[in-house]
Amino acid sequence: MAIRNPDDVDIQPQDGLGLPWFIPAGSGWLGRRDHVEILLDPGSALHKTLPQSDQPWDTLATQFVEGYGFVNPGAGQAGGAADADAVIASGGVNLNSQSTGYDTIQRMATSTYRFVLRGEAWRVGYQVPVPGLLSVGGQTAVPTFPQWSSGNVIVGNLPGQIPIFYCAWELHYIVAGPLKGSAPIVPNAAMRIRADQTLPDMVQVPFAPADANAGVSAGGAAGGGGPKLPFFKRRGK
């Protein structure tokens, strides 16, 4: 009685067999980043005065280019050096203003806080939920323009037709003051960690089961008084 060639490519023992695939929703994260940005308008206003005479333009430049080279920055520039080499040596940013007028800064309104929730995430098998702010500093967070999200995009395909989803968001919020407390820190769902996590008294040192072929030397010195060093026995010895 003969049997078929075991190298026959048509013989596939795994045909019709499969392994169950199940990743809990909380374990499908490949990566996630969330953070809250804070923008503050303190309500200050800058009042400008009209120039009373023709004054040179202010500039931050200390070296000027014309055509294919540098030109004498002293020409037509108040406070400019007579030769370009002097300016090259000093360098830096020019903060010398040519204006002779004085401006006025006045508090015109209460402070306005704007909070921006930004983030992105990758997830296996499940769509990424877009987070949102409910309250900040004891005040209700009210959505304002813009409210943006890329939507869930399929960016990968694992064996078995399992999609990898990606999503990003940028959500703006305003609040009515006054605020109390500190800025929110978004928990990381992928790493399962919160900012208010209780810190441990100690951290477990990584360890592994002892190797059956491992041993300890008698000591490095001739009399055996040296440090004992780990070594590995030869197989069969």
C-alpha atoms as a PDB file:
ATOM      1  CA  MET A   1       0.000   0.000   0.000  1.00  0.00           C
ATOM      2  CA  ALA A   2       1.422   3.317  -1.003  1.00  0.00           C
ATOM      3  CA  ILE A   3       0.992   6.754   0.524  1.00  0.00           C
ATOM      4  CA  ARG A   4       1.061  10.106  -1.159  1.00  0.00           C
ATOM      5  CA  ASN A   5       4.289  12.073  -1.316  1.00  0.00           C
ATOM      6  CA  PRO A   6       4.529  13.993   1.979  1.00  0.00           C
ATOM      7  CA  ASP A   7       6.074  16.879   0.043  1.00  0.00           C
ATOM      8  CA  ASP A   8       3.024  17.180  -2.145  1.00  0.00           C
ATOM      9  CA  VAL A   9       2.099  20.891  -2.106  1.00  0.00           C
ATOM     10  CA  ASP A  10      -1.550  19.945  -2.367  1.00  0.00           C
ATOM     11  CA  ILE A  11      -1.459  18.437   1.117  1.00  0.00           C
ATOM     12  CA  GLN A  12      -2.289  21.220   3.574  1.00  0.00           C
ATOM     13  CA  PRO A  13      -3.064  19.795   7.036  1.00  0.00           C
ATOM     14  CA  GLN A  14      -4.094  23.232   8.255  1.00  0.00           C
ATOM     15  CA  ASP A  15      -6.836  23.555   5.639  1.00  0.00           C
ATOM     16  CA  GLY A  16     -10.191  23.969   7.290  1.00  0.00           C
ATOM     17  CA  LEU A  17      -8.618  24.663  10.661  1.00  0.00           C
ATOM     18  CA  GLY A  18      -8.334  28.050  12.327  1.00  0.00           C
ATOM     19  CA  LEU A  19      -7.438  29.685  15.574  1.00  0.00           C
ATOM     20  CA  PRO A  20      -9.999  31.871  17.325  1.00  0.00           C
ATOM     21  CA  TRP A  21      -9.131  35.555  17.126  1.00  0.00           C
ATOM     22  CA  PHE A  22     -10.272  37.782  19.890  1.00  0.00           C
ATOM     23  CA  ILE A  23      -8.651  40.957  21.148  1.00  0.00           C
ATOM     24  CA  PRO A  24     -10.522  42.729  23.942  1.00  0.00           C
ATOM     25  CA  ALA A  25     -11.435  46.287  23.088  1.00  0.00           C
ATOM     26  CA  GLY A  26      -9.106  47.579  25.796  1.00  0.00           C
ATOM     27  CA  SER A  27      -6.124  45.639  24.412  1.00  0.00           C
ATOM     28  CA  GLY A  28      -6.272  46.622  20.749  1.00  0.00           C
ATOM     29  CA  TRP A  29      -4.305  49.870  21.053  1.00  0.00           C
ATOM     30  CA  LEU A  30      -1.099  50.146  19.041  1.00  0.00           C
ATOM     31  CA  GLY A  31      -0.461  53.678  20.253  1.00  0.00           C
ATOM     32  CA  ARG A  32      -2.237  56.770  21.485  1.00  0.00           C
ATOM     33  CA  ARG A  33      -1.309  60.364  22.318  1.00  0.00           C
ATOM     34  CA  ASP A  34      -3.631  62.958  23.883  1.00  0.00           C
ATOM     35  CA  HIS A  35      -2.805  66.354  25.309  1.00  0.00           C
ATOM     36  CA  VAL A  36      -4.551  69.612  26.183  1.00  0.00           C
ATOM     37  CA  GLU A  37      -3.103  72.930  25.033  1.00  0.00           C
ATOM     38  CA  ILE A  38      -4.073  76.142  26.833  1.00  0.00           C
ATOM     39  CA  LEU A  39      -4.336  79.530  25.155  1.00  0.00           C
ATOM     40  CA  LEU A  40      -4.896  82.605  27.316  1.00  0.00           C
ATOM     41  CA  ASP A  41      -6.017  86.080  26.257  1.00  0.00           C
ATOM     42  CA  PRO A  42      -5.519  88.176  29.434  1.00  0.00           C
ATOM     43  CA  GLY A  43      -7.766  90.934  28.067  1.00  0.00           C
ATOM     44  CA  SER A  44      -5.010  93.453  27.474  1.00  0.00           C
ATOM     45  CA  ALA A  45      -5.113  95.929  24.594  1.00  0.00           C
ATOM     46  CA  LEU A  46      -2.291  97.909  23.015  1.00  0.00           C
ATOM     47  CA  HIS A  47      -3.242 101.476  22.046  1.00  0.00           C
ATOM     48  CA  LYS A  48      -1.081 103.035  19.345  1.00  0.00           C
ATOM     49  CA  THR A  49      -0.252 106.686  18.668  1.00  0.00           C
ATOM     50  CA  LEU A  50       0.100 108.267  15.241  1.00  0.00           C
ATOM     51  CA  PRO A  51       3.653 109.292  14.260  1.00  0.00           C
ATOM     52  CA  GLN A  52       4.174 113.032  14.343  1.00  0.00           C
ATOM     53  CA  SER A  53       6.965 112.942  11.749  1.00  0.00           C
ATOM     54  CA  ASP A  54       8.377 110.760   8.974  1.00  0.00           C
ATOM     55  CA  GLN A  55      10.428 108.092  10.727  1.00  0.00           C
ATOM     56  CA  PRO A  56      12.485 105.173   9.349  1.00  0.00           C
ATOM     57  CA  TRP A  57      10.933 101.723   9.279  1.00  0.00           C
ATOM     58  CA  ASP A  58      11.829  99.386  12.104  1.00  0.00           C
ATOM     59  CA  THR A  59      13.461  96.077  11.171  1.00  0.00           C
ATOM     60  CA  LEU A  60      14.893  93.052  12.930  1.00  0.00           C
ATOM     61  CA  ALA A  61      17.664  92.693  10.351  1.00  0.00           C
ATOM     62  CA  THR A  62      21.301  93.493  11.098  1.00  0.00           C
ATOM     63  CA  GLN A  63      22.712  92.449   7.714  1.00  0.00           C
ATOM     64  CA  PHE A  64      21.243  93.203   4.314  1.00  0.00           C
ATOM     65  CA  VAL A  65      21.373  91.389   0.988  1.00  0.00           C
ATOM     66  CA  GLU A  66      21.081  92.969  -2.435  1.00  0.00           C
ATOM     67  CA  GLY A  67      21.706  91.106  -5.644  1.00  0.00           C
ATOM     68  CA  TYR A  68      24.354  88.453  -4.979  1.00  0.00           C
ATOM     69  CA  GLY A  69      26.034  89.883  -1.907  1.00  0.00           C
ATOM     70  CA  PHE A  70      25.788  91.911   1.265  1.00  0.00           C
ATOM     71  CA  VAL A  71      25.515  95.671   1.079  1.00  0.00           C
ATOM     72  CA  ASN A  72      26.484  98.404   3.500  1.00  0.00           C
ATOM     73  CA  PRO A  73      23.711  98.306   6.107  1.00  0.00           C
ATOM     74  CA  GLY A  74      24.491 101.872   7.145  1.00  0.00           C
ATOM     75  CA  ALA A  75      22.974 103.343   3.988  1.00  0.00           C
ATOM     76  CA  GLY A  76      19.494 104.613   4.800  1.00  0.00           C
ATOM     77  CA  GLN A  77      19.332 102.685   8.076  1.00  0.00           C
ATOM     78  CA  ALA A  78      19.435 104.702  11.252  1.00  0.00           C
ATOM     79  CA  GLY A  79      21.863 103.244  13.747  1.00  0.00           C
ATOM     80  CA  GLY A  80      23.544 101.082  11.081  1.00  0.00           C
ATOM     81  CA  ALA A  81      27.248 100.383  11.108  1.00  0.00           C
ATOM     82  CA  ALA A  82      29.520 102.071   8.592  1.00  0.00           C
ATOM     83  CA  ASP A  83      30.963  98.838   7.232  1.00  0.00           C
ATOM     84  CA  ALA A  84      29.422  95.416   6.784  1.00  0.00           C
ATOM     85  CA  ASP A  85      32.247  93.605   8.594  1.00  0.00           C
ATOM     86  CA  ALA A  86      31.314  95.345  11.849  1.00  0.00           C
ATOM     87  CA  VAL A  87      27.723  94.155  11.524  1.00  0.00           C
ATOM     88  CA  ILE A  88      28.787  90.600  10.671  1.00  0.00           C
ATOM     89  CA  ALA A  89      30.938  90.547  13.797  1.00  0.00           C
ATOM     90  CA  SER A  90      28.156  91.834  16.062  1.00  0.00           C
ATOM     91  CA  GLY A  91      25.336  89.866  14.422  1.00  0.00           C
ATOM     92  CA  GLY A  92      22.163  89.157  16.369  1.00  0.00           C
ATOM     93  CA  VAL A  93      18.664  90.594  16.065  1.00  0.00           C
ATOM     94  CA  ASN A  94      18.072  94.345  15.848  1.00  0.00           C
ATOM     95  CA  LEU A  95      15.652  95.563  18.546  1.00  0.00           C
ATOM     96  CA  ASN A  96      16.449  99.266  18.176  1.00  0.00           C
ATOM     97  CA  SER A  97      13.194 101.043  17.373  1.00  0.00           C
ATOM     98  CA  GLN A  98      13.218 104.317  15.455  1.00  0.00           C
ATOM     99  CA  SER A  99       9.840 105.365  16.799  1.00  0.00           C
ATOM    100  CA  THR A 100       9.750 108.269  19.258  1.00  0.00           C
ATOM    101  CA  GLY A 101       6.115 107.791  20.312  1.00  0.00           C
ATOM    102  CA  TYR A 102       4.831 105.980  23.374  1.00  0.00           C
ATOM    103  CA  ASP A 103       2.125 103.307  23.340  1.00  0.00           C
ATOM    104  CA  THR A 104      -0.436 102.589  26.060  1.00  0.00           C
ATOM    105  CA  ILE A 105      -1.392  99.134  27.371  1.00  0.00           C
ATOM    106  CA  GLN A 106      -4.785  98.848  29.044  1.00  0.00           C
ATOM    107  CA  ARG A 107      -6.820  96.010  30.558  1.00  0.00           C
ATOM    108  CA  MET A 108      -9.961  96.014  28.418  1.00  0.00           C
ATOM    109  CA  ALA A 109     -11.693  92.737  29.370  1.00  0.00           C
ATOM    110  CA  THR A 110     -11.563  89.695  31.617  1.00  0.00           C
ATOM    111  CA  SER A 111      -9.255  86.829  30.728  1.00  0.00           C
ATOM    112  CA  THR A 112     -10.354  84.378  28.036  1.00  0.00           C
ATOM    113  CA  TYR A 113      -9.137  80.786  28.253  1.00  0.00           C
ATOM    114  CA  ARG A 114      -9.191  78.478  25.266  1.00  0.00           C
ATOM    115  CA  PHE A 115      -8.429  74.781  25.657  1.00  0.00           C
ATOM    116  CA  VAL A 116      -7.431  72.630  22.687  1.00  0.00           C
ATOM    117  CA  LEU A 117      -7.691  68.853  22.955  1.00  0.00           C
ATOM    118  CA  ARG A 118      -5.362  67.273  20.404  1.00  0.00           C
ATOM    119  CA  GLY A 119      -4.540  63.636  19.868  1.00  0.00           C
ATOM    120  CA  GLU A 120      -4.157  60.653  17.586  1.00  0.00           C
ATOM    121  CA  ALA A 121      -4.398  56.894  18.003  1.00  0.00           C
ATOM    122  CA  TRP A 122      -3.936  53.558  16.239  1.00  0.00           C
ATOM    123  CA  ARG A 123      -6.161  50.599  17.107  1.00  0.00           C
ATOM    124  CA  VAL A 124      -6.506  46.993  15.933  1.00  0.00           C
ATOM    125  CA  GLY A 125      -9.949  45.692  15.043  1.00  0.00           C
ATOM    126  CA  TYR A 126     -11.914  48.508  16.646  1.00  0.00           C
ATOM    127  CA  GLN A 127     -12.516  52.113  15.649  1.00  0.00           C
ATOM    128  CA  VAL A 128     -10.865  54.878  17.676  1.00  0.00           C
ATOM    129  CA  PRO A 129     -13.325  56.870  19.807  1.00  0.00           C
ATOM    130  CA  VAL A 130     -12.770  60.637  19.729  1.00  0.00           C
ATOM    131  CA  PRO A 131     -12.492  62.032  23.286  1.00  0.00           C
ATOM    132  CA  GLY A 132     -13.952  65.308  24.532  1.00  0.00           C
ATOM    133  CA  LEU A 133     -13.699  67.693  27.477  1.00  0.00           C
ATOM    134  CA  LEU A 134     -16.600  68.064  29.909  1.00  0.00           C
ATOM    135  CA  SER A 135     -15.208  70.594  32.365  1.00  0.00           C
ATOM    136  CA  VAL A 136     -12.032  72.500  33.148  1.00  0.00           C
ATOM    137  CA  GLY A 137     -11.173  74.276  36.391  1.00  0.00           C
ATOM    138  CA  GLY A 138     -14.651  73.763  37.784  1.00  0.00           C
ATOM    139  CA  GLN A 139     -16.347  75.293  34.727  1.00  0.00           C
ATOM    140  CA  THR A 140     -18.222  73.635  31.856  1.00  0.00           C
ATOM    141  CA  ALA A 141     -16.119  73.238  28.708  1.00  0.00           C
ATOM    142  CA  VAL A 142     -18.159  74.627  25.790  1.00  0.00           C
ATOM    143  CA  PRO A 143     -17.177  73.487  22.255  1.00  0.00           C
ATOM    144  CA  THR A 144     -16.214  76.293  19.893  1.00  0.00           C
ATOM    145  CA  PHE A 145     -14.798  76.554  16.376  1.00  0.00           C
ATOM    146  CA  PRO A 146     -12.934  74.595  15.135  1.00  0.00           C
ATOM    147  CA  GLN A 147     -13.997  71.049  15.938  1.00  0.00           C
ATOM    148  CA  TRP A 148     -11.909  68.799  13.681  1.00  0.00           C
ATOM    149  CA  SER A 149     -11.251  65.091  13.254  1.00  0.00           C
ATOM    150  CA  SER A 150      -9.709  63.038  10.481  1.00  0.00           C
ATOM    151  CA  GLY A 151     -12.322  60.359  11.059  1.00  0.00           C
ATOM    152  CA  ASN A 152     -11.340  56.709  11.330  1.00  0.00           C
ATOM    153  CA  VAL A 153      -9.053  55.681   8.481  1.00  0.00           C
ATOM    154  CA  ILE A 154      -7.982  52.105   7.722  1.00  0.00           C
ATOM    155  CA  VAL A 155      -4.173  52.211   7.583  1.00  0.00           C
ATOM    156  CA  GLY A 156      -3.361  48.492   7.836  1.00  0.00           C
ATOM    157  CA  ASN A 157      -4.602  44.951   7.366  1.00  0.00           C
ATOM    158  CA  LEU A 158      -3.499  42.170   9.703  1.00  0.00           C
ATOM    159  CA  PRO A 159      -3.700  38.489   8.673  1.00  0.00           C
ATOM    160  CA  GLY A 160      -7.301  37.381   8.751  1.00  0.00           C
ATOM    161  CA  GLN A 161      -8.677  40.640   7.340  1.00  0.00           C
ATOM    162  CA  ILE A 162      -8.347  42.565  10.612  1.00  0.00           C
ATOM    163  CA  PRO A 163      -8.279  46.322  10.003  1.00  0.00           C
ATOM    164  CA  ILE A 164      -5.980  48.783  11.756  1.00  0.00           C
ATOM    165  CA  PHE A 165      -7.725  52.106  12.357  1.00  0.00           C
ATOM    166  CA  TYR A 166      -6.122  55.541  12.716  1.00  0.00           C
ATOM    167  CA  CYS A 167      -7.838  58.702  13.886  1.00  0.00           C
ATOM    168  CA  ALA A 168      -6.702  62.221  14.826  1.00  0.00           C
ATOM    169  CA  TRP A 169      -8.588  65.130  16.392  1.00  0.00           C
ATOM    170  CA  GLU A 170      -8.336  68.792  17.348  1.00  0.00           C
ATOM    171  CA  LEU A 171     -11.187  70.091  19.491  1.00  0.00           C
ATOM    172  CA  HIS A 172     -11.392  73.670  20.806  1.00  0.00           C
ATOM    173  CA  TYR A 173     -13.247  74.694  23.973  1.00  0.00           C
ATOM    174  CA  ILE A 174     -13.979  77.918  25.842  1.00  0.00           C
ATOM    175  CA  VAL A 175     -15.029  78.350  29.471  1.00  0.00           C
ATOM    176  CA  ALA A 176     -16.633  81.068  31.555  1.00  0.00           C
ATOM    177  CA  GLY A 177     -14.290  82.090  34.363  1.00  0.00           C
ATOM    178  CA  PRO A 178     -13.035  82.400  36.906  1.00  0.00           C
ATOM    179  CA  LEU A 179     -11.169  79.095  36.846  1.00  0.00           C
ATOM    180  CA  LYS A 180      -9.785  77.173  39.797  1.00  0.00           C
ATOM    181  CA  GLY A 181      -7.385  74.249  39.872  1.00  0.00           C
ATOM    182  CA  SER A 182      -4.895  72.911  37.349  1.00  0.00           C
ATOM    183  CA  ALA A 183      -4.989  72.009  33.681  1.00  0.00           C
ATOM    184  CA  PRO A 184      -6.460  68.594  32.791  1.00  0.00           C
ATOM    185  CA  ILE A 185      -4.176  65.729  31.758  1.00  0.00           C
ATOM    186  CA  VAL A 186      -5.827  63.160  29.519  1.00  0.00           C
ATOM    187  CA  PRO A 187      -5.346  59.522  30.657  1.00  0.00           C
ATOM    188  CA  ASN A 188      -3.579  57.256  28.176  1.00  0.00           C
ATOM    189  CA  ALA A 189      -5.984  54.468  27.245  1.00  0.00           C
ATOM    190  CA  ALA A 190      -3.296  52.525  25.354  1.00  0.00           C
ATOM    191  CA  MET A 191      -0.896  52.427  28.326  1.00  0.00           C
ATOM    192  CA  ARG A 192      -3.711  52.255  30.894  1.00  0.00           C
ATOM    193  CA  ILE A 193      -2.244  55.004  33.053  1.00  0.00           C
ATOM    194  CA  ARG A 194      -3.616  58.182  34.623  1.00  0.00           C
ATOM    195  CA  ALA A 195      -1.858  61.300  35.831  1.00  0.00           C
ATOM    196  CA  ASP A 196      -3.214  60.816  39.369  1.00  0.00           C
ATOM    197  CA  GLN A 197      -1.885  57.270  39.585  1.00  0.00           C
ATOM    198  CA  THR A 198      -0.638  56.430  43.097  1.00  0.00           C
ATOM    199  CA  LEU A 199       3.130  55.997  42.925  1.00  0.00           C
ATOM    200  CA  PRO A 200       4.515  52.733  44.354  1.00  0.00           C
ATOM    201  CA  ASP A 201       6.928  52.516  47.279  1.00  0.00           C
ATOM    202  CA  MET A 202       9.178  50.230  45.251  1.00  0.00           C
ATOM    203  CA  VAL A 203       9.392  48.728  41.758  1.00  0.00           C
ATOM    204  CA  GLN A 204       9.810  45.001  41.111  1.00  0.00           C
ATOM    205  CA  VAL A 205      13.194  44.177  39.599  1.00  0.00           C
ATOM    206  CA  PRO A 206      12.867  42.101  36.395  1.00  0.00           C
ATOM    207  CA  PHE A 207      13.694  38.439  36.982  1.00  0.00           C
ATOM    208  CA  ALA A 208      13.685  35.125  35.123  1.00  0.00           C
ATOM    209  CA  PRO A 209      13.768  31.464  36.193  1.00  0.00           C
ATOM    210  CA  ALA A 210      17.269  30.098  36.845  1.00  0.00           C
ATOM    211  CA  ASP A 211      18.951  28.318  33.941  1.00  0.00           C
ATOM    212  CA  ALA A 212      19.740  24.648  34.666  1.00  0.00           C
ATOM    213  CA  ASN A 213      23.147  25.105  33.014  1.00  0.00           C
ATOM    214  CA  ALA A 214      24.110  28.148  35.077  1.00  0.00           C
ATOM    215  CA  GLY A 215      26.599  27.968  37.943  1.00  0.00           C
ATOM    216  CA  VAL A 216      28.752  30.203  40.125  1.00  0.00           C
ATOM    217  CA  SER A 217      32.554  30.202  40.000  1.00  0.00           C
ATOM    218  CA  ALA A 218      34.654  29.585  43.083  1.00  0.00           C
ATOM    219  CA  GLY A 219      36.307  32.972  42.730  1.00  0.00           C
ATOM    220  CA  GLY A 220      38.543  34.835  40.354  1.00  0.00           C
ATOM    221  CA  ALA A 221      41.732  34.829  42.454  1.00  0.00           C
ATOM    222  CA  ALA A 222      44.068  31.883  42.867  1.00  0.00           C
ATOM    223  CA  GLY A 223      42.953  31.326  46.449  1.00  0.00           C
ATOM    224  CA  GLY A 224      39.321  31.597  45.578  1.00  0.00           C
ATOM    225  CA  GLY A 225      38.935  34.969  47.270  1.00  0.00           C
ATOM    226  CA  GLY A 226      37.910  36.897  44.188  1.00  0.00           C
ATOM    227  CA  PRO A 227      34.371  37.825  43.181  1.00  0.00           C
ATOM    228  CA  LYS A 228      32.141  34.953  42.241  1.00  0.00           C
ATOM    229  CA  LEU A 229      31.113  35.261  38.608  1.00  0.00           C
ATOM    230  CA  PRO A 230      28.270  33.461  36.834  1.00  0.00           C
ATOM    231  CA  PHE A 231      29.187  31.032  34.090  1.00  0.00           C
ATOM    232  CA  PHE A 232      27.460  28.432  31.935  1.00  0.00           C
ATOM    233  CA  LYS A 233      28.333  24.744  32.001  1.00  0.00           C
ATOM    234  CA  ARG A 234      29.077  22.900  28.837  1.00  0.00           C
ATOM    235  CA  ARG A 235      26.400  20.629  27.569  1.00  0.00           C
ATOM    236  CA  GLY A 236      26.909  17.081  28.826  1.00  0.00           C
ATOM    237  CA  LYS A 237      29.482  18.074  31.500  1.00  0.00           C
END
